[in-house]
N, C-alpha and C. Protein backbone atom coordinates (compact mmCIF):
# COMPACT_ATOMS: atom_id res chain seq x y z
N MET A 1 -45.10 -60.41 40.32
CA MET A 1 -44.26 -59.86 39.61
C MET A 1 -43.37 -59.23 40.20
N VAL A 2 -41.80 -59.32 40.15
CA VAL A 2 -40.86 -58.90 41.01
C VAL A 2 -39.90 -58.37 39.94
N THR A 3 -39.68 -56.99 40.12
CA THR A 3 -38.60 -56.26 39.29
C THR A 3 -37.18 -55.96 40.07
N ASP A 4 -36.24 -56.30 39.50
CA ASP A 4 -34.88 -55.65 40.31
C ASP A 4 -34.39 -54.53 39.78
N ASP A 5 -34.44 -53.60 40.91
CA ASP A 5 -34.11 -52.29 40.56
C ASP A 5 -32.78 -51.83 40.79
N ARG A 6 -31.98 -52.72 41.56
CA ARG A 6 -30.68 -52.65 41.92
C ARG A 6 -29.92 -51.79 41.00
N GLY A 7 -29.08 -50.62 41.29
CA GLY A 7 -28.25 -49.96 40.32
C GLY A 7 -28.91 -48.85 39.39
N ALA A 8 -30.34 -48.80 39.76
CA ALA A 8 -31.03 -47.86 38.79
C ALA A 8 -30.68 -46.51 39.50
N ALA A 9 -30.50 -46.15 40.46
CA ALA A 9 -30.12 -44.85 40.99
C ALA A 9 -28.71 -44.41 40.68
N ALA A 10 -28.00 -45.36 40.63
CA ALA A 10 -26.43 -44.97 40.10
C ALA A 10 -26.62 -44.67 38.62
N VAL A 11 -27.38 -45.30 37.77
CA VAL A 11 -27.49 -44.63 36.42
C VAL A 11 -28.23 -43.34 36.38
N TRP A 12 -29.16 -43.14 37.12
CA TRP A 12 -29.92 -41.76 37.22
C TRP A 12 -28.96 -40.71 37.67
N SER A 13 -28.20 -41.11 38.63
CA SER A 13 -27.40 -40.29 39.07
C SER A 13 -26.35 -39.61 38.11
N LEU A 14 -25.65 -40.90 37.46
CA LEU A 14 -24.46 -40.48 36.12
C LEU A 14 -25.19 -39.62 35.25
N ALA A 15 -26.44 -39.97 34.75
CA ALA A 15 -27.19 -39.05 33.68
C ALA A 15 -27.26 -37.68 34.25
N LEU A 16 -27.70 -37.58 35.53
CA LEU A 16 -27.96 -36.06 36.00
C LEU A 16 -26.46 -35.44 36.01
N ILE A 17 -25.54 -36.17 36.33
CA ILE A 17 -24.22 -35.50 36.51
C ILE A 17 -23.78 -35.05 34.90
N VAL A 18 -23.93 -36.04 34.18
CA VAL A 18 -23.44 -35.48 32.79
C VAL A 18 -24.44 -34.35 31.96
N LEU A 19 -25.51 -34.21 32.61
CA LEU A 19 -26.62 -33.09 32.04
C LEU A 19 -25.92 -31.74 32.83
N LEU A 20 -25.73 -32.03 34.26
CA LEU A 20 -25.31 -30.56 34.91
C LEU A 20 -23.98 -30.22 34.27
N VAL A 21 -22.83 -31.00 34.05
CA VAL A 21 -21.76 -30.76 33.58
C VAL A 21 -21.81 -30.01 32.18
N GLY A 22 -22.75 -30.67 31.35
CA GLY A 22 -22.98 -30.14 30.02
C GLY A 22 -23.64 -28.75 30.06
N VAL A 23 -24.49 -28.44 31.08
CA VAL A 23 -24.99 -27.18 31.20
C VAL A 23 -24.02 -26.25 31.60
N ALA A 24 -23.14 -26.60 32.47
CA ALA A 24 -22.19 -25.70 33.03
C ALA A 24 -21.25 -25.46 31.98
N LEU A 25 -20.97 -26.25 31.16
CA LEU A 25 -19.85 -26.10 30.05
C LEU A 25 -20.73 -25.00 28.92
N VAL A 26 -21.78 -25.23 28.69
CA VAL A 26 -22.46 -24.13 27.90
C VAL A 26 -22.54 -22.72 28.55
N VAL A 27 -22.99 -22.72 30.06
CA VAL A 27 -22.76 -21.44 30.51
C VAL A 27 -21.30 -20.84 30.60
N ALA A 28 -20.44 -21.63 30.75
CA ALA A 28 -19.08 -21.00 30.59
C ALA A 28 -18.69 -20.52 29.20
N LEU A 29 -19.09 -21.17 28.34
CA LEU A 29 -18.73 -20.68 26.70
C LEU A 29 -19.58 -19.39 26.71
N VAL A 30 -20.64 -19.44 27.01
CA VAL A 30 -21.62 -18.12 26.76
C VAL A 30 -21.01 -16.95 27.42
N GLY A 31 -20.64 -17.31 28.83
CA GLY A 31 -19.98 -16.37 29.61
C GLY A 31 -18.49 -15.61 29.05
N SER A 32 -17.95 -16.63 28.57
CA SER A 32 -16.52 -16.34 28.04
C SER A 32 -16.81 -15.36 26.69
N VAL A 33 -17.84 -15.55 26.00
CA VAL A 33 -18.04 -14.71 24.75
C VAL A 33 -18.55 -13.32 25.20
N GLY A 34 -19.56 -13.58 26.30
CA GLY A 34 -19.88 -12.25 26.87
C GLY A 34 -18.90 -11.42 27.20
N ILE A 35 -17.96 -11.82 28.08
CA ILE A 35 -16.62 -11.12 28.49
C ILE A 35 -15.89 -10.60 27.40
N ALA A 36 -15.66 -11.47 26.19
CA ALA A 36 -15.13 -10.90 25.16
C ALA A 36 -15.68 -9.96 24.41
N ARG A 37 -17.11 -10.01 24.52
CA ARG A 37 -17.78 -8.81 23.72
C ARG A 37 -17.71 -7.48 24.36
N ALA A 38 -17.99 -7.71 26.03
CA ALA A 38 -17.79 -6.42 26.67
C ALA A 38 -16.42 -5.89 26.65
N SER A 39 -15.26 -6.70 26.61
CA SER A 39 -14.01 -6.16 26.38
C SER A 39 -13.70 -5.23 24.98
N ALA A 40 -14.39 -5.82 23.92
CA ALA A 40 -14.37 -5.05 22.72
C ALA A 40 -15.17 -3.82 22.57
N ALA A 41 -16.16 -3.78 23.23
CA ALA A 41 -16.84 -2.83 23.37
C ALA A 41 -16.03 -1.50 24.41
N SER A 42 -15.41 -1.87 25.44
CA SER A 42 -14.61 -0.92 26.16
C SER A 42 -13.45 -0.52 25.29
N VAL A 43 -12.93 -1.36 24.69
CA VAL A 43 -11.70 -0.95 23.73
C VAL A 43 -12.14 0.06 22.52
N ALA A 44 -13.40 -0.21 22.08
CA ALA A 44 -14.16 0.63 21.18
C ALA A 44 -14.34 1.74 21.62
N ASP A 45 -14.60 1.98 22.78
CA ASP A 45 -15.10 3.06 23.48
C ASP A 45 -13.45 3.77 23.57
N LEU A 46 -12.62 3.31 24.11
CA LEU A 46 -11.46 3.94 24.62
C LEU A 46 -10.71 4.29 23.09
N ALA A 47 -10.83 3.65 22.09
CA ALA A 47 -10.07 3.75 20.88
C ALA A 47 -11.00 4.94 20.33
N ALA A 48 -12.19 5.31 20.27
CA ALA A 48 -13.20 6.47 19.72
C ALA A 48 -12.45 7.61 20.53
N VAL A 49 -12.36 7.65 21.71
CA VAL A 49 -12.10 8.80 22.53
C VAL A 49 -10.68 9.03 22.13
N ALA A 50 -9.60 8.16 22.06
CA ALA A 50 -8.26 8.71 21.70
C ALA A 50 -8.24 9.08 20.48
N GLY A 51 -9.07 8.73 19.38
CA GLY A 51 -9.25 9.38 17.83
C GLY A 51 -9.99 10.51 18.02
N ALA A 52 -10.83 10.75 18.89
CA ALA A 52 -11.54 11.97 19.07
C ALA A 52 -10.71 12.98 19.69
N ARG A 53 -9.71 12.83 20.68
CA ARG A 53 -8.91 13.48 21.02
C ARG A 53 -7.81 14.12 20.14
N SER A 54 -7.17 13.24 19.35
CA SER A 54 -6.03 13.39 18.25
C SER A 54 -6.72 14.04 16.94
N GLY A 55 -7.80 13.80 16.76
CA GLY A 55 -8.58 14.12 15.45
C GLY A 55 -8.01 13.19 14.52
N SER A 56 -7.67 12.13 14.73
CA SER A 56 -7.26 11.09 13.43
C SER A 56 -7.59 9.80 14.18
N CYS A 57 -7.31 8.90 13.14
CA CYS A 57 -7.77 7.40 13.50
C CYS A 57 -6.40 6.67 13.77
N THR A 58 -5.28 7.43 13.87
CA THR A 58 -3.90 6.77 14.03
C THR A 58 -4.02 6.41 15.70
N SER A 59 -4.43 7.39 16.45
CA SER A 59 -4.57 6.99 17.86
C SER A 59 -5.51 6.06 18.17
N ALA A 60 -6.43 5.81 17.60
CA ALA A 60 -7.54 4.84 17.75
C ALA A 60 -6.89 3.52 17.39
N ARG A 61 -6.24 3.48 16.50
CA ARG A 61 -5.61 2.18 15.78
C ARG A 61 -4.57 1.90 17.00
N GLU A 62 -3.58 2.49 17.64
CA GLU A 62 -2.58 2.25 18.53
C GLU A 62 -3.31 1.89 19.83
N VAL A 63 -4.46 2.49 20.22
CA VAL A 63 -5.33 1.71 21.44
C VAL A 63 -5.88 0.53 21.16
N ALA A 64 -6.38 0.11 20.03
CA ALA A 64 -6.90 -1.12 19.74
C ALA A 64 -5.68 -2.11 19.64
N ASP A 65 -4.58 -1.73 18.98
CA ASP A 65 -3.27 -2.54 18.85
C ASP A 65 -2.92 -3.05 20.27
N ARG A 66 -2.89 -1.98 21.08
CA ARG A 66 -2.41 -2.20 22.37
C ARG A 66 -3.16 -3.27 23.27
N ASN A 67 -4.49 -3.35 23.07
CA ASN A 67 -5.30 -4.05 23.77
C ASN A 67 -5.52 -5.37 22.98
N GLY A 68 -4.76 -5.54 21.94
CA GLY A 68 -5.04 -7.01 21.34
C GLY A 68 -6.02 -7.09 20.46
N MET A 69 -6.41 -6.14 20.16
CA MET A 69 -7.67 -6.19 19.06
C MET A 69 -7.35 -5.48 17.98
N SER A 70 -7.84 -5.44 16.66
CA SER A 70 -8.06 -4.94 15.42
C SER A 70 -8.95 -3.65 15.33
N LEU A 71 -8.45 -2.81 14.62
CA LEU A 71 -9.34 -1.72 14.39
C LEU A 71 -9.92 -1.95 13.04
N SER A 72 -11.24 -2.73 12.72
CA SER A 72 -11.47 -2.80 11.31
C SER A 72 -11.85 -1.64 10.74
N ASP A 73 -12.44 -0.53 11.07
CA ASP A 73 -13.04 0.45 10.45
C ASP A 73 -12.78 1.76 11.45
N CYS A 74 -12.46 2.74 10.83
CA CYS A 74 -12.30 3.97 11.58
C CYS A 74 -12.79 5.16 10.40
N MET A 75 -13.53 6.23 10.86
CA MET A 75 -13.52 7.52 9.94
C MET A 75 -14.14 8.68 10.76
N VAL A 76 -13.60 9.91 10.40
CA VAL A 76 -13.91 10.99 11.10
C VAL A 76 -14.87 11.59 10.39
N ASP A 77 -16.27 11.77 11.24
CA ASP A 77 -17.31 12.28 10.85
C ASP A 77 -17.89 13.63 11.51
N ASP A 78 -17.53 14.76 10.89
CA ASP A 78 -17.87 15.90 11.32
C ASP A 78 -17.31 16.10 12.76
N GLY A 79 -16.00 15.91 12.93
CA GLY A 79 -15.49 16.27 14.19
C GLY A 79 -15.60 14.70 15.09
N ASP A 80 -16.44 13.82 14.90
CA ASP A 80 -16.61 12.71 15.71
C ASP A 80 -15.70 11.65 15.05
N VAL A 81 -15.13 10.73 15.76
CA VAL A 81 -14.38 9.51 15.29
C VAL A 81 -15.27 8.37 15.64
N VAL A 82 -15.81 7.58 14.59
CA VAL A 82 -16.45 6.32 14.72
C VAL A 82 -15.60 5.26 14.28
N VAL A 83 -15.71 4.30 15.39
CA VAL A 83 -14.47 3.05 15.02
C VAL A 83 -15.30 1.98 15.38
N ARG A 84 -14.84 0.97 14.71
CA ARG A 84 -15.16 -0.42 14.81
C ARG A 84 -14.00 -1.30 15.24
N VAL A 85 -14.16 -2.03 16.16
CA VAL A 85 -13.09 -2.77 16.70
C VAL A 85 -13.50 -4.40 16.64
N ALA A 86 -12.53 -5.20 16.29
CA ALA A 86 -12.88 -6.70 16.08
C ALA A 86 -11.92 -7.32 16.76
N THR A 87 -12.34 -8.42 17.49
CA THR A 87 -11.56 -9.46 18.32
C THR A 87 -11.90 -10.85 17.85
N SER A 88 -11.09 -11.76 18.24
CA SER A 88 -11.40 -13.22 18.19
C SER A 88 -12.12 -13.71 19.19
N MET A 89 -13.08 -14.85 18.84
CA MET A 89 -13.59 -15.48 19.77
C MET A 89 -12.74 -16.21 20.74
N PRO A 90 -13.07 -16.48 22.02
CA PRO A 90 -12.34 -17.46 22.90
C PRO A 90 -11.98 -18.68 22.22
N VAL A 91 -10.76 -19.30 22.54
CA VAL A 91 -10.38 -20.27 21.68
C VAL A 91 -11.53 -21.63 21.76
N VAL A 92 -12.12 -21.82 22.98
CA VAL A 92 -13.06 -23.14 23.16
C VAL A 92 -14.16 -22.65 22.67
N ALA A 93 -14.66 -21.42 22.58
CA ALA A 93 -15.82 -21.17 21.95
C ALA A 93 -15.72 -21.10 20.33
N GLN A 94 -14.59 -20.90 19.84
CA GLN A 94 -14.35 -20.73 18.47
C GLN A 94 -14.15 -22.33 17.94
N ARG A 95 -13.67 -23.25 18.57
CA ARG A 95 -13.62 -24.55 18.27
C ARG A 95 -15.18 -25.06 18.28
N VAL A 96 -15.95 -24.80 19.13
CA VAL A 96 -17.38 -25.01 19.21
C VAL A 96 -18.04 -24.76 18.00
N ILE A 97 -17.81 -23.47 17.59
CA ILE A 97 -18.33 -22.96 16.36
C ILE A 97 -18.10 -23.64 15.12
N ASP A 98 -16.61 -23.60 15.22
CA ASP A 98 -15.97 -24.53 13.95
C ASP A 98 -16.67 -25.83 13.92
N ALA A 99 -16.76 -26.40 14.64
CA ALA A 99 -17.41 -27.72 14.55
C ALA A 99 -19.08 -27.73 14.28
N LEU A 100 -19.71 -26.78 14.58
CA LEU A 100 -20.79 -26.67 14.02
C LEU A 100 -21.02 -26.02 12.68
N GLY A 101 -19.81 -25.73 12.15
CA GLY A 101 -19.88 -25.06 10.67
C GLY A 101 -20.18 -23.38 10.58
N GLY A 102 -19.94 -22.84 11.78
CA GLY A 102 -20.12 -21.66 11.57
C GLY A 102 -18.76 -20.69 11.76
N THR A 103 -18.84 -19.43 11.46
CA THR A 103 -17.75 -18.36 11.68
C THR A 103 -18.38 -17.16 12.37
N VAL A 104 -17.70 -16.80 13.42
CA VAL A 104 -18.13 -15.62 14.23
C VAL A 104 -17.15 -14.83 14.59
N GLU A 105 -17.09 -13.43 14.40
CA GLU A 105 -16.23 -12.53 14.91
C GLU A 105 -16.79 -11.51 15.86
N ILE A 106 -16.27 -11.18 16.84
CA ILE A 106 -16.86 -10.37 18.02
C ILE A 106 -16.35 -8.97 17.50
N GLU A 107 -17.14 -8.17 17.10
CA GLU A 107 -16.97 -6.52 16.92
C GLU A 107 -17.93 -5.67 17.81
N ALA A 108 -17.25 -4.40 18.16
CA ALA A 108 -18.10 -3.45 18.75
C ALA A 108 -17.87 -2.16 17.90
N ASP A 109 -18.86 -1.20 18.02
CA ASP A 109 -18.63 0.24 17.58
C ASP A 109 -18.91 1.18 18.79
N ALA A 110 -18.06 2.28 18.41
CA ALA A 110 -18.21 3.44 19.49
C ALA A 110 -18.19 4.51 18.46
N ARG A 111 -18.57 5.61 19.01
CA ARG A 111 -18.49 7.03 18.50
C ARG A 111 -18.24 7.98 19.56
N ALA A 112 -17.36 8.99 19.37
CA ALA A 112 -16.98 10.11 20.30
C ALA A 112 -16.42 11.19 19.51
N GLY A 113 -16.83 12.31 20.13
CA GLY A 113 -16.32 13.58 19.61
C GLY A 113 -15.56 14.43 20.96
N TYR A 114 -14.86 15.22 20.70
CA TYR A 114 -14.16 15.95 21.55
C TYR A 114 -14.32 17.30 21.65
N VAL A 115 -14.66 17.90 22.79
CA VAL A 115 -14.98 19.19 23.02
C VAL A 115 -14.16 19.82 24.00
N ASP A 116 -13.49 20.97 23.45
CA ASP A 116 -12.55 21.71 24.23
C ASP A 116 -13.11 22.54 25.32
N TYR A 117 -13.06 22.14 26.48
CA TYR A 117 -13.32 23.05 27.59
C TYR A 117 -12.68 24.10 28.13
N GLY A 118 -11.22 24.06 27.53
CA GLY A 118 -10.47 24.81 28.01
C GLY A 118 -10.57 26.38 27.44
N SER A 119 -11.11 26.63 26.50
CA SER A 119 -11.15 27.74 25.69
C SER A 119 -12.69 28.47 26.42
N PRO A 120 -12.26 29.94 26.48
CA PRO A 120 -13.78 30.66 27.17
C PRO A 120 -14.73 30.35 26.08
N GLY A 121 -16.03 30.56 26.51
CA GLY A 121 -17.07 30.37 25.67
C GLY A 121 -17.48 31.43 24.60
């Protein structure tokens, strides 16, 4: 019994290439979402500190707006400013999530208080 295996390596190579490209795309999508999440956390921290220094949510909103994100929630709680910053998903990741029938918004929370070290104890 003789079998003809010519071309089998090309088919397996093509399948492996398609698999590796697919994995690389998934890693890139997850990475872009992770970067967006880290950016939202940084902006939330900055907005909370700005709000704590001024004692109001106006400064926090300005910081979020200047960084291309929206301040979805802000409150002053016993001298601390608690903020929630929201941003959109990266475009390609949003398209994938839309195709899967889901909706996701990236949000980050932060809390900051201001201590005046300039006055004597």
